[in-house]
Structures are given as structure tokens and as C-alpha cells.
PDB file of N, CA and C in Angstrom:
ATOM      1  N   MET A   1       0.774  -1.199  -0.062  1.00  0.00           N
ATOM      2  CA  MET A   1      -0.222   0.064   0.069  1.00  0.00           C
ATOM      3  C   MET A   1       0.971   1.137   0.212  1.00  0.00           C
ATOM      4  N   TYR A   2       0.410   2.226  -0.750  1.00  0.00           N
ATOM      5  CA  TYR A   2       1.377   3.310  -0.789  1.00  0.00           C
ATOM      6  C   TYR A   2       0.310   4.480  -0.685  1.00  0.00           C
ATOM      7  N   GLY A   3       0.724   5.463   0.482  1.00  0.00           N
ATOM      8  CA  GLY A   3      -0.079   6.345   0.835  1.00  0.00           C
ATOM      9  C   GLY A   3       0.976   7.730   0.409  1.00  0.00           C
ATOM     10  N   THR A   4       0.243   9.114   1.073  1.00  0.00           N
ATOM     11  CA  THR A   4       0.871  10.356   0.474  1.00  0.00           C
ATOM     12  C   THR A   4       1.965  10.545   2.104  1.00  0.00           C
ATOM     13  N   LYS A   5       1.874   9.667   3.211  1.00  0.00           N
ATOM     14  CA  LYS A   5       2.738   9.992   4.090  1.00  0.00           C
ATOM     15  C   LYS A   5       3.487   8.526   4.436  1.00  0.00           C
ATOM     16  N   GLY A   6       3.083   7.779   3.625  1.00  0.00           N
ATOM     17  CA  GLY A   6       4.098   6.404   3.700  1.00  0.00           C
ATOM     18  C   GLY A   6       3.828   5.298   3.108  1.00  0.00           C
ATOM     19  N   SER A   7       4.507   4.092   3.155  1.00  0.00           N
ATOM     20  CA  SER A   7       4.298   3.040   2.329  1.00  0.00           C
ATOM     21  C   SER A   7       4.231   1.885   3.563  1.00  0.00           C
ATOM     22  N   ILE A   8       3.471   0.818   3.330  1.00  0.00           N
ATOM     23  CA  ILE A   8       3.578  -0.781   3.925  1.00  0.00           C
ATOM     24  C   ILE A   8       3.848  -1.783   2.920  1.00  0.00           C
ATOM     25  N   ILE A   9       5.020  -2.256   2.844  1.00  0.00           N
ATOM     26  CA  ILE A   9       5.080  -3.863   1.931  1.00  0.00           C
ATOM     27  C   ILE A   9       5.067  -4.816   2.780  1.00  0.00           C
ATOM     28  N   VAL A  10       4.240  -5.678   2.218  1.00  0.00           N
ATOM     29  CA  VAL A  10       4.118  -7.027   3.017  1.00  0.00           C
ATOM     30  C   VAL A  10       4.481  -7.968   2.122  1.00  0.00           C
ATOM     31  N   ASP A  11       5.666  -8.661   2.369  1.00  0.00           N
ATOM     32  CA  ASP A  11       6.015  -9.836   1.196  1.00  0.00           C
ATOM     33  C   ASP A  11       6.507 -10.854   2.066  1.00  0.00           C
ATOM     34  N   MET A  12       5.249 -11.952   2.535  1.00  0.00           N
ATOM     35  CA  MET A  12       5.482 -12.902   2.947  1.00  0.00           C
ATOM     36  C   MET A  12       6.646 -14.194   2.592  1.00  0.00           C
ATOM     37  N   LEU A  13       7.086 -13.796   1.384  1.00  0.00           N
ATOM     38  CA  LEU A  13       8.264 -14.491   0.870  1.00  0.00           C
ATOM     39  C   LEU A  13       9.502 -14.108   1.230  1.00  0.00           C
ATOM     40  N   SER A  14       9.435 -12.863   1.961  1.00  0.00           N
ATOM     41  CA  SER A  14      10.777 -12.344   2.624  1.00  0.00           C
ATOM     42  C   SER A  14      10.898 -12.823   4.025  1.00  0.00           C
ATOM     43  N   GLU A  15      12.329 -12.573   4.465  1.00  0.00           N
ATOM     44  CA  GLU A  15      12.397 -13.077   5.777  1.00  0.00           C
ATOM     45  C   GLU A  15      12.345 -11.764   6.563  1.00  0.00           C
ATOM     46  N   ARG A  16      11.891 -10.707   6.328  1.00  0.00           N
ATOM     47  CA  ARG A  16      11.317  -9.300   6.756  1.00  0.00           C
ATOM     48  C   ARG A  16       9.868  -8.853   6.246  1.00  0.00           C
ATOM     49  N   PRO A  17       9.064  -9.776   6.588  1.00  0.00           N
ATOM     50  CA  PRO A  17       7.805  -9.569   5.935  1.00  0.00           C
ATOM     51  C   PRO A  17       7.171  -8.356   5.833  1.00  0.00           C
ATOM     52  N   VAL A  18       7.451  -7.683   6.884  1.00  0.00           N
ATOM     53  CA  VAL A  18       6.432  -6.451   7.064  1.00  0.00           C
ATOM     54  C   VAL A  18       7.422  -5.061   6.947  1.00  0.00           C
ATOM     55  N   GLN A  19       7.199  -4.357   5.860  1.00  0.00           N
ATOM     56  CA  GLN A  19       8.028  -3.202   5.896  1.00  0.00           C
ATOM     57  C   GLN A  19       7.495  -2.001   5.782  1.00  0.00           C
ATOM     58  N   VAL A  20       7.632  -0.908   6.786  1.00  0.00           N
ATOM     59  CA  VAL A  20       7.006   0.528   6.889  1.00  0.00           C
ATOM     60  C   VAL A  20       7.823   1.624   6.726  1.00  0.00           C
ATOM     61  N   TYR A  21       7.628   2.242   5.706  1.00  0.00           N
ATOM     62  CA  TYR A  21       8.031   3.428   5.442  1.00  0.00           C
ATOM     63  C   TYR A  21       7.227   4.760   5.611  1.00  0.00           C
ATOM     64  N   SER A  22       7.737   5.724   6.480  1.00  0.00           N
ATOM     65  CA  SER A  22       6.695   6.733   7.016  1.00  0.00           C
ATOM     66  C   SER A  22       7.487   8.300   7.393  1.00  0.00           C
ATOM     67  N   THR A  23       6.707   9.102   7.039  1.00  0.00           N
ATOM     68  CA  THR A  23       7.048  10.475   7.404  1.00  0.00           C
ATOM     69  C   THR A  23       6.556  10.789   8.922  1.00  0.00           C
ATOM     70  N   VAL A  24       5.693   9.750   9.251  1.00  0.00           N
ATOM     71  CA  VAL A  24       5.190  10.374  10.789  1.00  0.00           C
ATOM     72  C   VAL A  24       6.071   9.806  11.741  1.00  0.00           C
ATOM     73  N   ASN A  25       6.055  10.727  12.829  1.00  0.00           N
ATOM     74  CA  ASN A  25       6.980  10.324  13.832  1.00  0.00           C
ATOM     75  C   ASN A  25       8.425  10.021  13.695  1.00  0.00           C
ATOM     76  N   ARG A  26       9.135  10.638  12.321  1.00  0.00           N
ATOM     77  CA  ARG A  26      10.390  10.409  11.873  1.00  0.00           C
ATOM     78  C   ARG A  26      11.221  11.063  12.844  1.00  0.00           C
ATOM     79  N   SER A  27      12.653  10.434  13.263  1.00  0.00           N
ATOM     80  CA  SER A  27      13.369  10.787  13.919  1.00  0.00           C
ATOM     81  C   SER A  27      14.004  12.534  13.349  1.00  0.00           C
ATOM     82  N   ASP A  28      14.306  13.389  14.276  1.00  0.00           N
ATOM     83  CA  ASP A  28      15.020  14.655  14.090  1.00  0.00           C
ATOM     84  C   ASP A  28      16.147  14.308  13.289  1.00  0.00           C
ATOM     85  N   ASP A  29      16.964  13.376  13.858  1.00  0.00           N
ATOM     86  CA  ASP A  29      18.434  13.080  13.174  1.00  0.00           C
ATOM     87  C   ASP A  29      18.445  12.536  11.736  1.00  0.00           C
ATOM     88  N   MET A  30      18.851  13.140  10.966  1.00  0.00           N
ATOM     89  CA  MET A  30      18.849  12.588   9.375  1.00  0.00           C
ATOM     90  C   MET A  30      19.500  11.312   9.238  1.00  0.00           C
ATOM     91  N   SER A  31      20.527  11.411  10.069  1.00  0.00           N
ATOM     92  CA  SER A  31      21.642  10.066   9.812  1.00  0.00           C
ATOM     93  C   SER A  31      20.653   8.834  10.182  1.00  0.00           C
ATOM     94  N   GLU A  32      19.256   8.999  10.536  1.00  0.00           N
ATOM     95  CA  GLU A  32      18.778   7.679  10.935  1.00  0.00           C
ATOM     96  C   GLU A  32      17.796   7.398  10.015  1.00  0.00           C
ATOM     97  N   TRP A  33      17.595   8.394   9.309  1.00  0.00           N
ATOM     98  CA  TRP A  33      16.602   8.365   7.837  1.00  0.00           C
ATOM     99  C   TRP A  33      17.423   7.308   6.832  1.00  0.00           C
ATOM    100  N   TRP A  34      16.376   6.151   6.253  1.00  0.00           N
ATOM    101  CA  TRP A  34      17.118   5.418   5.450  1.00  0.00           C
ATOM    102  C   TRP A  34      15.802   5.181   4.416  1.00  0.00           C
ATOM    103  N   SER A  35      16.110   5.160   3.099  1.00  0.00           N
ATOM    104  CA  SER A  35      14.997   4.690   2.401  1.00  0.00           C
ATOM    105  C   SER A  35      15.603   4.687   0.931  1.00  0.00           C
ATOM    106  N   PHE A  36      15.079   3.616   0.212  1.00  0.00           N
ATOM    107  CA  PHE A  36      15.146   3.760  -1.390  1.00  0.00           C
ATOM    108  C   PHE A  36      14.221   4.929  -1.727  1.00  0.00           C
ATOM    109  N   TYR A  37      13.358   5.134  -1.108  1.00  0.00           N
ATOM    110  CA  TYR A  37      12.436   5.983  -1.480  1.00  0.00           C
ATOM    111  C   TYR A  37      12.251   7.609  -1.291  1.00  0.00           C
ATOM    112  N   GLY A  38      13.624   7.973  -0.984  1.00  0.00           N
ATOM    113  CA  GLY A  38      13.468   9.469  -0.697  1.00  0.00           C
ATOM    114  C   GLY A  38      13.510   9.710   0.654  1.00  0.00           C
ATOM    115  N   ASP A  39      12.538  10.759   1.250  1.00  0.00           N
ATOM    116  CA  ASP A  39      12.747  11.435   2.445  1.00  0.00           C
ATOM    117  C   ASP A  39      11.623  11.010   3.167  1.00  0.00           C
ATOM    118  N   VAL A  40      12.200   9.846   3.738  1.00  0.00           N
ATOM    119  CA  VAL A  40      11.027   9.055   4.748  1.00  0.00           C
ATOM    120  C   VAL A  40      11.977   8.218   5.747  1.00  0.00           C
ATOM    121  N   SER A  41      11.444   7.578   6.676  1.00  0.00           N
ATOM    122  CA  SER A  41      11.901   7.204   7.680  1.00  0.00           C
ATOM    123  C   SER A  41      11.483   5.447   7.612  1.00  0.00           C
ATOM    124  N   TRP A  42      12.483   4.539   8.129  1.00  0.00           N
ATOM    125  CA  TRP A  42      12.335   3.025   7.826  1.00  0.00           C
ATOM    126  C   TRP A  42      12.089   2.672   9.223  1.00  0.00           C
ATOM    127  N   GLN A  43      11.061   1.968   9.302  1.00  0.00           N
ATOM    128  CA  GLN A  43      10.554   1.039  10.592  1.00  0.00           C
ATOM    129  C   GLN A  43      10.118  -0.346  10.130  1.00  0.00           C
ATOM    130  N   GLU A  44      11.032  -1.220  10.961  1.00  0.00           N
ATOM    131  CA  GLU A  44      10.999  -2.483  10.832  1.00  0.00           C
ATOM    132  C   GLU A  44       9.957  -3.261  11.778  1.00  0.00           C
ATOM    133  N   PRO A  45       8.951  -3.562  11.702  1.00  0.00           N
ATOM    134  CA  PRO A  45       8.241  -4.375  13.173  1.00  0.00           C
ATOM    135  C   PRO A  45       8.692  -5.603  13.248  1.00  0.00           C
ATOM    136  N   PHE A  46       9.066  -5.778  14.596  1.00  0.00           N
ATOM    137  CA  PHE A  46       9.816  -7.425  14.964  1.00  0.00           C
ATOM    138  C   PHE A  46       9.100  -8.362  14.619  1.00  0.00           C
ATOM    139  N   ILE A  47       9.103  -8.790  13.025  1.00  0.00           N
ATOM    140  CA  ILE A  47       8.485  -9.824  12.851  1.00  0.00           C
ATOM    141  C   ILE A  47       9.473 -10.716  11.876  1.00  0.00           C
ATOM    142  N   MET A  48       9.954 -11.778  12.462  1.00  0.00           N
ATOM    143  CA  MET A  48      10.892 -12.733  11.639  1.00  0.00           C
ATOM    144  C   MET A  48      10.382 -13.862  11.416  1.00  0.00           C
ATOM    145  N   HIS A  49      10.632 -14.431  10.354  1.00  0.00           N
ATOM    146  CA  HIS A  49      10.306 -15.968  10.249  1.00  0.00           C
ATOM    147  C   HIS A  49      11.034 -16.586   9.049  1.00  0.00           C
ATOM    148  N   SER A  50      10.828 -17.498   9.077  1.00  0.00           N
ATOM    149  CA  SER A  50      11.368 -18.510   7.743  1.00  0.00           C
ATOM    150  C   SER A  50      10.298 -18.481   6.562  1.00  0.00           C
ATOM    151  N   ALA A  51      10.889 -17.653   5.421  1.00  0.00           N
ATOM    152  CA  ALA A  51      10.040 -17.588   4.392  1.00  0.00           C
ATOM    153  C   ALA A  51       9.301 -19.065   3.854  1.00  0.00           C
ATOM    154  N   LEU A  52      10.344 -20.145   3.632  1.00  0.00           N
ATOM    155  CA  LEU A  52      10.129 -21.407   3.155  1.00  0.00           C
ATOM    156  C   LEU A  52       9.053 -22.117   4.239  1.00  0.00           C
ATOM    157  N   ASP A  53       9.333 -21.797   5.624  1.00  0.00           N
ATOM    158  CA  ASP A  53       8.469 -22.734   6.582  1.00  0.00           C
ATOM    159  C   ASP A  53       7.086 -21.937   6.090  1.00  0.00           C
ATOM    160  N   TRP A  54       6.910 -20.576   6.326  1.00  0.00           N
ATOM    161  CA  TRP A  54       5.468 -19.939   5.999  1.00  0.00           C
ATOM    162  C   TRP A  54       4.913 -20.429   4.720  1.00  0.00           C
ATOM    163  N   LYS A  55       5.751 -20.536   3.737  1.00  0.00           N
ATOM    164  CA  LYS A  55       5.147 -20.710   2.508  1.00  0.00           C
ATOM    165  C   LYS A  55       4.358 -22.192   2.330  1.00  0.00           C
ATOM    166  N   ALA A  56       5.132 -22.997   2.819  1.00  0.00           N
ATOM    167  CA  ALA A  56       4.741 -24.567   2.948  1.00  0.00           C
ATOM    168  C   ALA A  56       3.259 -24.381   4.189  1.00  0.00           C
ATOM    169  N   ALA A  57       3.443 -24.173   5.395  1.00  0.00           N
ATOM    170  CA  ALA A  57       2.427 -24.070   6.129  1.00  0.00           C
ATOM    171  C   ALA A  57       1.190 -23.179   5.689  1.00  0.00           C
ATOM    172  N   SER A  58       1.407 -22.264   5.309  1.00  0.00           N
ATOM    173  CA  SER A  58       0.050 -21.261   4.632  1.00  0.00           C
ATOM    174  C   SER A  58      -0.362 -21.886   3.737  1.00  0.00           C
ATOM    175  N   MET A  59       0.194 -22.659   2.625  1.00  0.00           N
ATOM    176  CA  MET A  59      -0.329 -23.125   1.525  1.00  0.00           C
ATOM    177  C   MET A  59      -1.233 -24.317   1.903  1.00  0.00           C
ATOM    178  N   ARG A  60      -0.463 -25.080   3.172  1.00  0.00           N
ATOM    179  CA  ARG A  60      -0.903 -26.400   3.551  1.00  0.00           C
ATOM    180  C   ARG A  60      -2.500 -25.962   4.494  1.00  0.00           C
ATOM    181  N   LYS A  61      -2.366 -24.892   5.344  1.00  0.00           N
ATOM    182  CA  LYS A  61      -3.768 -24.328   5.878  1.00  0.00           C
ATOM    183  C   LYS A  61      -4.976 -24.151   4.976  1.00  0.00           C
ATOM    184  N   GLU A  62      -4.446 -23.360   3.670  1.00  0.00           N
ATOM    185  CA  GLU A  62      -5.280 -23.178   2.919  1.00  0.00           C
ATOM    186  C   GLU A  62      -6.201 -24.118   2.182  1.00  0.00           C
ATOM    187  N   VAL A  63      -5.163 -25.257   2.008  1.00  0.00           N
ATOM    188  CA  VAL A  63      -5.904 -26.462   1.098  1.00  0.00           C
ATOM    189  C   VAL A  63      -6.589 -27.520   2.227  1.00  0.00           C
ATOM    190  N   GLN A  64      -6.287 -27.360   3.379  1.00  0.00           N
ATOM    191  CA  GLN A  64      -6.988 -28.371   4.481  1.00  0.00           C
ATOM    192  C   GLN A  64      -8.164 -27.394   4.718  1.00  0.00           C
ATOM    193  N   HIS A  65      -8.189 -25.963   4.747  1.00  0.00           N
ATOM    194  CA  HIS A  65      -9.433 -25.351   5.129  1.00  0.00           C
ATOM    195  C   HIS A  65     -10.454 -25.598   4.005  1.00  0.00           C
ATOM    196  N   PHE A  66      -9.863 -25.538   2.541  1.00  0.00           N
ATOM    197  CA  PHE A  66     -10.719 -25.686   1.480  1.00  0.00           C
ATOM    198  C   PHE A  66     -11.594 -27.162   1.513  1.00  0.00           C
ATOM    199  N   VAL A  67     -10.495 -28.041   1.796  1.00  0.00           N
ATOM    200  CA  VAL A  67     -11.042 -29.343   1.763  1.00  0.00           C
ATOM    201  C   VAL A  67     -12.276 -29.527   2.953  1.00  0.00           C
ATOM    202  N   SER A  68     -11.990 -29.074   4.038  1.00  0.00           N
ATOM    203  CA  SER A  68     -12.885 -28.887   5.085  1.00  0.00           C
ATOM    204  C   SER A  68     -14.327 -28.305   4.688  1.00  0.00           C
ATOM    205  N   CYS A  69     -14.170 -27.412   4.089  1.00  0.00           N
ATOM    206  CA  CYS A  69     -15.513 -26.526   3.683  1.00  0.00           C
ATOM    207  C   CYS A  69     -16.437 -27.234   2.601  1.00  0.00           C
ATOM    208  N   VAL A  70     -15.614 -27.761   1.499  1.00  0.00           N
ATOM    209  CA  VAL A  70     -16.150 -28.828   0.852  1.00  0.00           C
ATOM    210  C   VAL A  70     -16.467 -30.051   1.461  1.00  0.00           C
ATOM    211  N   ARG A  71     -16.215 -30.625   2.373  1.00  0.00           N
ATOM    212  CA  ARG A  71     -16.625 -31.808   3.257  1.00  0.00           C
ATOM    213  C   ARG A  71     -17.755 -31.698   4.049  1.00  0.00           C
ATOM    214  N   GLU A  72     -17.869 -30.362   4.741  1.00  0.00           N
ATOM    215  CA  GLU A  72     -18.801 -30.398   5.897  1.00  0.00           C
ATOM    216  C   GLU A  72     -19.729 -29.269   5.135  1.00  0.00           C
ATOM    217  N   GLY A  73     -19.608 -28.729   4.204  1.00  0.00           N
ATOM    218  CA  GLY A  73     -20.476 -27.592   3.816  1.00  0.00           C
ATOM    219  C   GLY A  73     -20.420 -26.368   4.348  1.00  0.00           C
ATOM    220  N   GLY A  74     -19.350 -26.014   4.912  1.00  0.00           N
ATOM    221  CA  GLY A  74     -19.054 -24.960   5.520  1.00  0.00           C
ATOM    222  C   GLY A  74     -18.593 -23.474   4.368  1.00  0.00           C
ATOM    223  N   ASP A  75     -18.761 -22.536   4.957  1.00  0.00           N
ATOM    224  CA  ASP A  75     -18.586 -21.094   4.201  1.00  0.00           C
ATOM    225  C   ASP A  75     -16.802 -21.093   4.433  1.00  0.00           C
ATOM    226  N   PRO A  76     -16.015 -20.668   3.199  1.00  0.00           N
ATOM    227  CA  PRO A  76     -14.767 -20.346   3.270  1.00  0.00           C
ATOM    228  C   PRO A  76     -14.447 -19.128   3.820  1.00  0.00           C
ATOM    229  N   LEU A  77     -13.463 -18.878   4.566  1.00  0.00           N
ATOM    230  CA  LEU A  77     -12.766 -17.630   5.028  1.00  0.00           C
ATOM    231  C   LEU A  77     -13.202 -16.574   4.084  1.00  0.00           C
ATOM    232  N   VAL A  78     -12.554 -16.828   2.899  1.00  0.00           N
ATOM    233  CA  VAL A  78     -12.660 -15.584   1.938  1.00  0.00           C
ATOM    234  C   VAL A  78     -13.415 -16.318   0.635  1.00  0.00           C
ATOM    235  N   SER A  79     -14.572 -15.664   0.290  1.00  0.00           N
ATOM    236  CA  SER A  79     -15.507 -15.778  -0.415  1.00  0.00           C
ATOM    237  C   SER A  79     -14.729 -15.544  -1.855  1.00  0.00           C
ATOM    238  N   GLY A  80     -15.599 -16.106  -2.790  1.00  0.00           N
ATOM    239  CA  GLY A  80     -15.303 -15.795  -4.270  1.00  0.00           C
ATOM    240  C   GLY A  80     -15.612 -14.315  -4.346  1.00  0.00           C
ATOM    241  N   SER A  81     -16.443 -13.854  -3.844  1.00  0.00           N
ATOM    242  CA  SER A  81     -16.880 -12.398  -4.109  1.00  0.00           C
ATOM    243  C   SER A  81     -15.810 -11.531  -3.489  1.00  0.00           C
ATOM    244  N   ASP A  82     -15.334 -12.377  -2.169  1.00  0.00           N
ATOM    245  CA  ASP A  82     -14.048 -11.151  -1.926  1.00  0.00           C
ATOM    246  C   ASP A  82     -12.792 -11.032  -2.536  1.00  0.00           C
ATOM    247  N   GLY A  83     -12.512 -12.234  -3.201  1.00  0.00           N
ATOM    248  CA  GLY A  83     -11.583 -12.398  -4.359  1.00  0.00           C
ATOM    249  C   GLY A  83     -11.696 -11.341  -5.550  1.00  0.00           C
ATOM    250  N   LYS A  84     -13.077 -11.589  -5.904  1.00  0.00           N
ATOM    251  CA  LYS A  84     -13.540 -10.720  -7.157  1.00  0.00           C
ATOM    252  C   LYS A  84     -13.261  -9.238  -6.984  1.00  0.00           C
ATOM    253  N   ARG A  85     -13.557  -8.761  -5.879  1.00  0.00           N
ATOM    254  CA  ARG A  85     -13.592  -7.271  -5.349  1.00  0.00           C
ATOM    255  C   ARG A  85     -12.235  -7.101  -5.264  1.00  0.00           C
ATOM    256  N   ASN A  86     -11.139  -8.168  -4.794  1.00  0.00           N
ATOM    257  CA  ASN A  86      -9.702  -7.628  -4.675  1.00  0.00           C
ATOM    258  C   ASN A  86      -9.211  -7.255  -5.995  1.00  0.00           C
ATOM    259  N   VAL A  87      -9.595  -8.064  -6.691  1.00  0.00           N
ATOM    260  CA  VAL A  87      -8.997  -8.152  -8.455  1.00  0.00           C
ATOM    261  C   VAL A  87      -9.657  -6.773  -9.085  1.00  0.00           C
ATOM    262  N   GLU A  88     -10.803  -6.640  -8.618  1.00  0.00           N
ATOM    263  CA  GLU A  88     -11.532  -5.249  -9.279  1.00  0.00           C
ATOM    264  C   GLU A  88     -10.679  -4.050  -8.927  1.00  0.00           C
ATOM    265  N   ILE A  89     -10.419  -3.811  -7.304  1.00  0.00           N
ATOM    266  CA  ILE A  89      -9.541  -3.002  -6.853  1.00  0.00           C
ATOM    267  C   ILE A  89      -8.015  -2.878  -7.555  1.00  0.00           C
ATOM    268  N   ALA A  90      -7.774  -3.771  -7.230  1.00  0.00           N
ATOM    269  CA  ALA A  90      -6.080  -3.947  -7.955  1.00  0.00           C
ATOM    270  C   ALA A  90      -6.006  -3.412  -9.440  1.00  0.00           C
ATOM    271  N   LEU A  91      -7.172  -3.637 -10.126  1.00  0.00           N
ATOM    272  CA  LEU A  91      -7.228  -3.147 -11.672  1.00  0.00           C
ATOM    273  C   LEU A  91      -7.530  -1.905 -11.431  1.00  0.00           C
ATOM    274  N   LYS A  92      -8.214  -1.266 -10.733  1.00  0.00           N
ATOM    275  CA  LYS A  92      -8.501   0.173 -10.647  1.00  0.00           C
ATOM    276  C   LYS A  92      -7.221   0.904 -10.282  1.00  0.00           C
ATOM    277  N   ALA A  93      -6.442   0.471  -9.380  1.00  0.00           N
ATOM    278  CA  ALA A  93      -5.310   0.776  -8.863  1.00  0.00           C
ATOM    279  C   ALA A  93      -4.373   0.974  -9.806  1.00  0.00           C
ATOM    280  N   LEU A  94      -4.292   0.061 -10.779  1.00  0.00           N
ATOM    281  CA  LEU A  94      -3.404  -0.019 -12.135  1.00  0.00           C
ATOM    282  C   LEU A  94      -4.088   1.078 -12.926  1.00  0.00           C
ATOM    283  N   GLU A  95      -5.248   1.270 -13.075  1.00  0.00           N
ATOM    284  CA  GLU A  95      -5.933   2.411 -14.058  1.00  0.00           C
ATOM    285  C   GLU A  95      -5.586   3.807 -13.420  1.00  0.00           C
ATOM    286  N   SER A  96      -5.646   3.629 -12.357  1.00  0.00           N
ATOM    287  CA  SER A  96      -5.286   5.130 -11.578  1.00  0.00           C
ATOM    288  C   SER A  96      -3.679   5.470 -11.666  1.00  0.00           C
ATOM    289  N   ALA A  97      -3.107   4.505 -11.783  1.00  0.00           N
ATOM    290  CA  ALA A  97      -1.399   4.800 -12.071  1.00  0.00           C
ATOM    291  C   ALA A  97      -1.200   5.255 -13.353  1.00  0.00           C
ATOM    292  N   LYS A  98      -1.859   4.589 -14.207  1.00  0.00           N
ATOM    293  CA  LYS A  98      -1.946   4.725 -15.730  1.00  0.00           C
ATOM    294  C   LYS A  98      -2.081   6.140 -16.216  1.00  0.00           C
ATOM    295  N   VAL A  99      -3.322   6.592 -15.679  1.00  0.00           N
ATOM    296  CA  VAL A  99      -3.792   8.036 -16.015  1.00  0.00           C
ATOM    297  C   VAL A  99      -3.690   9.074 -15.021  1.00  0.00           C
ATOM    298  N   GLY A 100      -2.919   8.753 -14.036  1.00  0.00           N
ATOM    299  CA  GLY A 100      -2.168   9.850 -12.797  1.00  0.00           C
ATOM    300  C   GLY A 100      -3.224  10.403 -12.149  1.00  0.00           C
ATOM    301  N   ASP A 101      -4.456   9.891 -12.126  1.00  0.00           N
ATOM    302  CA  ASP A 101      -5.586  10.484 -11.312  1.00  0.00           C
ATOM    303  C   ASP A 101      -6.405   9.522 -10.433  1.00  0.00           C
ATOM    304  N   TRP A 102      -7.196  10.145  -9.675  1.00  0.00           N
ATOM    305  CA  TRP A 102      -8.423   8.906  -8.808  1.00  0.00           C
ATOM    306  C   TRP A 102      -9.190   8.349  -9.974  1.00  0.00           C
ATOM    307  N   VAL A 103      -9.399   7.210  -9.408  1.00  0.00           N
ATOM    308  CA  VAL A 103     -10.155   6.278 -10.359  1.00  0.00           C
ATOM    309  C   VAL A 103     -11.175   5.559  -9.294  1.00  0.00           C
ATOM    310  N   THR A 104     -12.562   5.837  -9.493  1.00  0.00           N
ATOM    311  CA  THR A 104     -13.399   5.122  -8.614  1.00  0.00           C
ATOM    312  C   THR A 104     -13.728   3.691  -8.708  1.00  0.00           C
ATOM    313  N   ALA A 105     -13.958   2.805  -7.855  1.00  0.00           N
ATOM    314  CA  ALA A 105     -14.016   1.604  -7.949  1.00  0.00           C
ATOM    315  C   ALA A 105     -15.587   1.119  -7.970  1.00  0.00           C
TER     316      ALA A 105
END
């Protein structure tokens, strides 16, 4: 997610899965600022994990949950409608970036 006062990057295949870039509460000491993105500060929440362990465990849990929903007739945690809406939002974000202006979803 990218915003006017910072960004959050979530990459569960990284050993540092959550990265926060923010201009809010930034140190007055400019030597403490670090970023590839210019005048922002870097914060790294203390979340460390093995990317390979997470990938295997997460995919296993997804499949187990799906099988459980099929067998027991339950509702999935994430519906097809949820997935469709997320794709629509991502496409609108791309369109907004291309035209350089707000695009309603």
C-alpha cells in the first residue's frame, strides 16, 4: 500500500515480511533516515520468520480449510466475491497509476 505519508510493504516470502516507510514520527536526526524512496524513515516491525516454512504451512492450511469447507459444507473464510472485489480494486489501482488521477472503484 502506498500513501501520501508512507507505505507498507508485505512480502511473506521475505525474512522481513512487513516493512513500513513513514514520514510520521520520524527522527529529527537525519542520519537515522534510510530509504530507497527518498525523504522517509524506515521502521521494521519485529516479525521474523522463515519464508520457506511460512509458504509451506500457509499453503497447507489453505488447502485443509478448502477441503474442510467442501466436506462439511461450510463457508470459506474468503469468498469468491471477496476475491473478485480484490481483483477489481487492483485493476482500478493500475488504471489510476496509468491515468495519473483518482479512479472510482
